[in-house]
Structures are given as structure tokens and as C-alpha cells.
Amino acid sequence: MEKFKDHVKNYKKKYVALYFDKESNDRLRDYARTNYFDISYGYDGSSIEEEAFEFHTTVFYKSNEINLKNGNHEITPIEASFKQLKLLGPDHDIPVIELNGEFKTVRESFEIMGLKDKWPNWIPHVTLSYKYNNINNKPLPNFKVRATHIIVRDQS
């Protein structure tokens, strides 16, 4: 039987995100380049190759501590459509595409497990760049994204 202190040490803050199939990533990368979104910087501000930019939808970030196994979990694909371009982040300077509600059931499943989010109101979205870019007069993509994996990992 597991000792209580061993059980508690497994509780960590988690990052949970939906990741897309190759076609969705390729199309998002083309869209970002065509519309001059800079995808040569990672979330931490470091310089990266454009091909290394990870398009995804964060489901939970810096949530409460919970005992949830890390991993890359294949799921039944879920398609999502685009709603509008927005600027998010603490300074409202991160260009994103807000999604319609197709990923809501994934979020609700993790809420049932007890996860709580850093952000008070979840806005499902795909980040287009971690550098500011004017979003005015830019078209929405004319395709849907297809989530095929859920990634769960510890937050520091």
C-alpha cells in the first residue's frame, strides 16, 4: 500500500493541451507565414526554427496540484472551427485565433477530475505567435484544426 506522504508528493501543477495532426500544423504554419505572424520564437521568448513552433490549444495551465499521470495520449480526433482573431495574454499582445466550442467537453472532463485553471475564463484558442502582431484586417483561416493528442506534463 502507498504511504500517504508518497501519495502527496505525486501532486503537481499540470499543463494540459490538445495537439494537432500534421496537416493542421502545416496549414497553421502556412497561414501564420502568409499573414506575417512571427513563429520564430518559443513561449519562453527563445529563438527557434519556424518548424519547431508548436501549435496547440492549452486546456489547463498552472492549475492546482493534482495527481495526474504525465504523457502524450492519443485521442479520437476532434475538429474545431475558428471564431475570431484576438489578442490574449497578460498584456493583450499575443495574437491568437479563438476557437468555437468544439473542445469544451475536453475541458469539462479535466474539470471533473479536479483541475482548476490560472485563468478565470477559458478561451479556447490557437496561438499564432509569441510576438505582437497587428490582427486587424487579417482573414480567418478557411479550414478546421484537428486535435489528435492530449499532452499532460508537470509545471515548474
C-alpha atoms as a PDB file:
ATOM      1  CA  MET A   1       0.000   0.000   0.000  1.00  0.00           C
ATOM      2  CA  GLU A   2       1.229   3.513  -0.868  1.00  0.00           C
ATOM      3  CA  LYS A   3       2.189   5.699   2.085  1.00  0.00           C
ATOM      4  CA  PHE A   4       0.317   8.974   2.368  1.00  0.00           C
ATOM      5  CA  LYS A   5       3.469  11.129   2.066  1.00  0.00           C
ATOM      6  CA  ASP A   6       4.418   9.262  -1.143  1.00  0.00           C
ATOM      7  CA  HIS A   7       0.923   9.829  -2.494  1.00  0.00           C
ATOM      8  CA  VAL A   8       1.014  13.562  -1.730  1.00  0.00           C
ATOM      9  CA  LYS A   9       4.436  14.099  -3.357  1.00  0.00           C
ATOM     10  CA  ASN A  10       2.881  12.975  -6.668  1.00  0.00           C
ATOM     11  CA  TYR A  11       0.590  16.013  -6.618  1.00  0.00           C
ATOM     12  CA  LYS A  12       1.887  18.625  -9.049  1.00  0.00           C
ATOM     13  CA  LYS A  13       0.583  21.575 -11.034  1.00  0.00           C
ATOM     14  CA  LYS A  14      -0.152  20.429 -14.573  1.00  0.00           C
ATOM     15  CA  TYR A  15      -0.085  21.736 -18.110  1.00  0.00           C
ATOM     16  CA  VAL A  16      -2.723  20.071 -20.296  1.00  0.00           C
ATOM     17  CA  ALA A  17      -3.006  20.802 -24.020  1.00  0.00           C
ATOM     18  CA  LEU A  18      -4.538  19.489 -27.206  1.00  0.00           C
ATOM     19  CA  TYR A  19      -2.078  18.998 -30.050  1.00  0.00           C
ATOM     20  CA  PHE A  20      -2.988  18.820 -33.721  1.00  0.00           C
ATOM     21  CA  ASP A  21      -2.307  16.446 -36.583  1.00  0.00           C
ATOM     22  CA  LYS A  22       0.417  17.170 -39.157  1.00  0.00           C
ATOM     23  CA  GLU A  23      -1.995  18.582 -41.745  1.00  0.00           C
ATOM     24  CA  SER A  24      -3.450  21.090 -39.241  1.00  0.00           C
ATOM     25  CA  ASN A  25       0.064  22.131 -38.160  1.00  0.00           C
ATOM     26  CA  ASP A  26       1.228  22.551 -41.758  1.00  0.00           C
ATOM     27  CA  ARG A  27      -1.833  24.628 -42.633  1.00  0.00           C
ATOM     28  CA  LEU A  28      -1.484  26.785 -39.493  1.00  0.00           C
ATOM     29  CA  ARG A  29       2.211  27.329 -40.267  1.00  0.00           C
ATOM     30  CA  ASP A  30       1.351  28.413 -43.837  1.00  0.00           C
ATOM     31  CA  TYR A  31      -1.393  30.705 -42.519  1.00  0.00           C
ATOM     32  CA  ALA A  32       0.977  32.280 -39.967  1.00  0.00           C
ATOM     33  CA  ARG A  33       3.681  32.893 -42.569  1.00  0.00           C
ATOM     34  CA  THR A  34       1.256  34.239 -45.180  1.00  0.00           C
ATOM     35  CA  ASN A  35      -0.178  36.699 -42.639  1.00  0.00           C
ATOM     36  CA  TYR A  36       3.226  37.753 -41.232  1.00  0.00           C
ATOM     37  CA  PHE A  37       2.934  36.188 -37.783  1.00  0.00           C
ATOM     38  CA  ASP A  38       6.436  35.592 -36.408  1.00  0.00           C
ATOM     39  CA  ILE A  39       6.729  31.919 -35.430  1.00  0.00           C
ATOM     40  CA  SER A  40      10.477  32.053 -34.841  1.00  0.00           C
ATOM     41  CA  TYR A  41      10.102  32.497 -31.062  1.00  0.00           C
ATOM     42  CA  GLY A  42       9.004  29.939 -28.472  1.00  0.00           C
ATOM     43  CA  TYR A  43       6.774  30.519 -25.461  1.00  0.00           C
ATOM     44  CA  ASP A  44       9.816  31.341 -23.321  1.00  0.00           C
ATOM     45  CA  GLY A  45      10.988  34.016 -25.782  1.00  0.00           C
ATOM     46  CA  SER A  46      13.892  31.983 -27.126  1.00  0.00           C
ATOM     47  CA  SER A  47      14.670  31.931 -30.827  1.00  0.00           C
ATOM     48  CA  ILE A  48      13.509  28.717 -32.556  1.00  0.00           C
ATOM     49  CA  GLU A  49      13.263  27.292 -36.041  1.00  0.00           C
ATOM     50  CA  GLU A  50       9.837  28.033 -37.526  1.00  0.00           C
ATOM     51  CA  GLU A  51       9.220  24.302 -37.938  1.00  0.00           C
ATOM     52  CA  ALA A  52       9.631  23.881 -34.159  1.00  0.00           C
ATOM     53  CA  PHE A  53       6.742  26.230 -33.330  1.00  0.00           C
ATOM     54  CA  GLU A  54       4.120  24.077 -31.581  1.00  0.00           C
ATOM     55  CA  PHE A  55       0.561  24.984 -32.487  1.00  0.00           C
ATOM     56  CA  HIS A  56      -1.824  23.733 -29.806  1.00  0.00           C
ATOM     57  CA  THR A  57      -4.766  24.613 -27.589  1.00  0.00           C
ATOM     58  CA  THR A  58      -3.992  24.869 -23.886  1.00  0.00           C
ATOM     59  CA  VAL A  59      -6.723  23.204 -21.844  1.00  0.00           C
ATOM     60  CA  PHE A  60      -5.233  23.941 -18.376  1.00  0.00           C
ATOM     61  CA  TYR A  61      -2.205  25.943 -17.298  1.00  0.00           C
ATOM     62  CA  LYS A  62      -0.684  26.314 -13.824  1.00  0.00           C
ATOM     63  CA  SER A  63      -3.692  24.619 -12.327  1.00  0.00           C
ATOM     64  CA  ASN A  64      -3.991  23.392  -8.768  1.00  0.00           C
ATOM     65  CA  GLU A  65      -1.842  20.484  -7.649  1.00  0.00           C
ATOM     66  CA  ILE A  66      -3.307  17.142  -8.662  1.00  0.00           C
ATOM     67  CA  ASN A  67      -2.132  13.545  -9.041  1.00  0.00           C
ATOM     68  CA  LEU A  68      -2.405  13.088 -12.804  1.00  0.00           C
ATOM     69  CA  LYS A  69      -0.016  10.990 -14.888  1.00  0.00           C
ATOM     70  CA  ASN A  70       2.097  12.815 -17.473  1.00  0.00           C
ATOM     71  CA  GLY A  71       2.103  11.663 -21.055  1.00  0.00           C
ATOM     72  CA  ASN A  72       1.181  12.055 -24.677  1.00  0.00           C
ATOM     73  CA  HIS A  73      -2.255  10.487 -25.054  1.00  0.00           C
ATOM     74  CA  GLU A  74      -3.782   9.716 -28.432  1.00  0.00           C
ATOM     75  CA  ILE A  75      -7.482  10.646 -28.622  1.00  0.00           C
ATOM     76  CA  THR A  76     -10.351  10.219 -31.032  1.00  0.00           C
ATOM     77  CA  PRO A  77      -9.783  13.215 -33.336  1.00  0.00           C
ATOM     78  CA  ILE A  78     -11.811  16.343 -32.629  1.00  0.00           C
ATOM     79  CA  GLU A  79     -12.151  19.093 -35.230  1.00  0.00           C
ATOM     80  CA  ALA A  80     -12.573  22.734 -34.253  1.00  0.00           C
ATOM     81  CA  SER A  81     -13.503  25.770 -36.303  1.00  0.00           C
ATOM     82  CA  PHE A  82     -12.190  29.303 -35.982  1.00  0.00           C
ATOM     83  CA  LYS A  83     -14.255  32.074 -34.408  1.00  0.00           C
ATOM     84  CA  GLN A  84     -12.146  35.253 -34.473  1.00  0.00           C
ATOM     85  CA  LEU A  85      -8.679  36.740 -34.168  1.00  0.00           C
ATOM     86  CA  LYS A  86      -7.858  38.161 -30.725  1.00  0.00           C
ATOM     87  CA  LEU A  87      -5.003  39.430 -28.608  1.00  0.00           C
ATOM     88  CA  LEU A  88      -4.606  37.494 -25.355  1.00  0.00           C
ATOM     89  CA  GLY A  89      -2.039  37.219 -22.581  1.00  0.00           C
ATOM     90  CA  PRO A  90      -1.444  39.391 -19.507  1.00  0.00           C
ATOM     91  CA  ASP A  91      -0.583  42.387 -21.723  1.00  0.00           C
ATOM     92  CA  HIS A  92      -3.055  41.532 -24.519  1.00  0.00           C
ATOM     93  CA  ASP A  93      -0.204  41.306 -27.018  1.00  0.00           C
ATOM     94  CA  ILE A  94      -0.274  37.644 -28.069  1.00  0.00           C
ATOM     95  CA  PRO A  95      -2.097  37.078 -31.396  1.00  0.00           C
ATOM     96  CA  VAL A  96      -4.401  34.057 -31.339  1.00  0.00           C
ATOM     97  CA  ILE A  97      -7.310  32.565 -33.195  1.00  0.00           C
ATOM     98  CA  GLU A  98     -10.213  31.944 -30.838  1.00  0.00           C
ATOM     99  CA  LEU A  99     -11.972  28.654 -31.499  1.00  0.00           C
ATOM    100  CA  ASN A 100     -15.642  27.784 -31.358  1.00  0.00           C
ATOM    101  CA  GLY A 101     -16.744  25.442 -28.581  1.00  0.00           C
ATOM    102  CA  GLU A 102     -15.777  22.044 -30.014  1.00  0.00           C
ATOM    103  CA  PHE A 103     -13.075  21.425 -27.354  1.00  0.00           C
ATOM    104  CA  LYS A 104     -15.348  22.295 -24.410  1.00  0.00           C
ATOM    105  CA  THR A 105     -16.018  18.654 -23.484  1.00  0.00           C
ATOM    106  CA  VAL A 106     -12.268  18.019 -23.134  1.00  0.00           C
ATOM    107  CA  ARG A 107     -12.003  20.947 -20.733  1.00  0.00           C
ATOM    108  CA  GLU A 108     -15.031  19.748 -18.767  1.00  0.00           C
ATOM    109  CA  SER A 109     -13.544  16.247 -18.464  1.00  0.00           C
ATOM    110  CA  PHE A 110     -10.458  17.649 -16.733  1.00  0.00           C
ATOM    111  CA  GLU A 111     -12.583  19.913 -14.524  1.00  0.00           C
ATOM    112  CA  ILE A 112     -14.435  16.797 -13.327  1.00  0.00           C
ATOM    113  CA  MET A 113     -11.010  15.348 -12.348  1.00  0.00           C
ATOM    114  CA  GLY A 114     -10.466  18.416 -10.159  1.00  0.00           C
ATOM    115  CA  LEU A 115      -8.217  20.667 -12.242  1.00  0.00           C
ATOM    116  CA  LYS A 116      -8.554  24.409 -11.753  1.00  0.00           C
ATOM    117  CA  ASP A 117      -7.056  26.958 -14.126  1.00  0.00           C
ATOM    118  CA  LYS A 118      -4.869  30.028 -13.648  1.00  0.00           C
ATOM    119  CA  TRP A 119      -7.152  31.960 -15.994  1.00  0.00           C
ATOM    120  CA  PRO A 120     -10.671  32.688 -14.703  1.00  0.00           C
ATOM    121  CA  ASN A 121     -12.418  32.340 -18.083  1.00  0.00           C
ATOM    122  CA  TRP A 122     -11.126  29.746 -20.510  1.00  0.00           C
ATOM    123  CA  ILE A 123     -10.966  30.959 -24.111  1.00  0.00           C
ATOM    124  CA  PRO A 124     -10.097  28.047 -26.397  1.00  0.00           C
ATOM    125  CA  HIS A 125      -7.572  29.333 -28.925  1.00  0.00           C
ATOM    126  CA  VAL A 126      -4.526  28.631 -31.053  1.00  0.00           C
ATOM    127  CA  THR A 127      -1.556  30.945 -30.503  1.00  0.00           C
ATOM    128  CA  LEU A 128      -0.215  32.299 -33.793  1.00  0.00           C
ATOM    129  CA  SER A 129       2.954  33.902 -32.422  1.00  0.00           C
ATOM    130  CA  TYR A 130       4.581  34.895 -29.144  1.00  0.00           C
ATOM    131  CA  LYS A 131       5.479  38.301 -30.605  1.00  0.00           C
ATOM    132  CA  TYR A 132       2.925  41.077 -31.037  1.00  0.00           C
ATOM    133  CA  ASN A 133       1.426  41.446 -34.474  1.00  0.00           C
ATOM    134  CA  ASN A 134      -1.465  43.598 -35.614  1.00  0.00           C
ATOM    135  CA  ILE A 135      -4.503  41.375 -36.219  1.00  0.00           C
ATOM    136  CA  ASN A 136      -6.676  43.980 -37.943  1.00  0.00           C
ATOM    137  CA  ASN A 137      -7.903  43.153 -41.443  1.00  0.00           C
ATOM    138  CA  LYS A 138      -6.449  39.650 -41.428  1.00  0.00           C
ATOM    139  CA  PRO A 139      -8.675  36.832 -42.669  1.00  0.00           C
ATOM    140  CA  LEU A 140      -9.594  33.800 -40.615  1.00  0.00           C
ATOM    141  CA  PRO A 141      -8.193  30.516 -41.930  1.00  0.00           C
ATOM    142  CA  ASN A 142     -10.602  28.628 -44.203  1.00  0.00           C
ATOM    143  CA  PHE A 143     -10.005  25.198 -42.650  1.00  0.00           C
ATOM    144  CA  LYS A 144     -10.550  23.429 -39.316  1.00  0.00           C
ATOM    145  CA  VAL A 145      -7.897  22.177 -36.912  1.00  0.00           C
ATOM    146  CA  ARG A 146      -7.897  18.549 -35.859  1.00  0.00           C
ATOM    147  CA  ALA A 147      -6.743  17.621 -32.350  1.00  0.00           C
ATOM    148  CA  THR A 148      -5.314  14.100 -32.132  1.00  0.00           C
ATOM    149  CA  HIS A 149      -3.353  14.114 -28.848  1.00  0.00           C
ATOM    150  CA  ILE A 150      -3.613  15.402 -25.296  1.00  0.00           C
ATOM    151  CA  ILE A 151      -0.313  16.261 -23.650  1.00  0.00           C
ATOM    152  CA  VAL A 152      -0.080  16.307 -19.838  1.00  0.00           C
ATOM    153  CA  ARG A 153       3.099  17.472 -18.127  1.00  0.00           C
ATOM    154  CA  ASP A 154       4.269  18.994 -14.846  1.00  0.00           C
ATOM    155  CA  GLN A 155       4.575  22.730 -14.398  1.00  0.00           C
ATOM    156  CA  SER A 156       7.522  24.182 -12.516  1.00  0.00           C
END
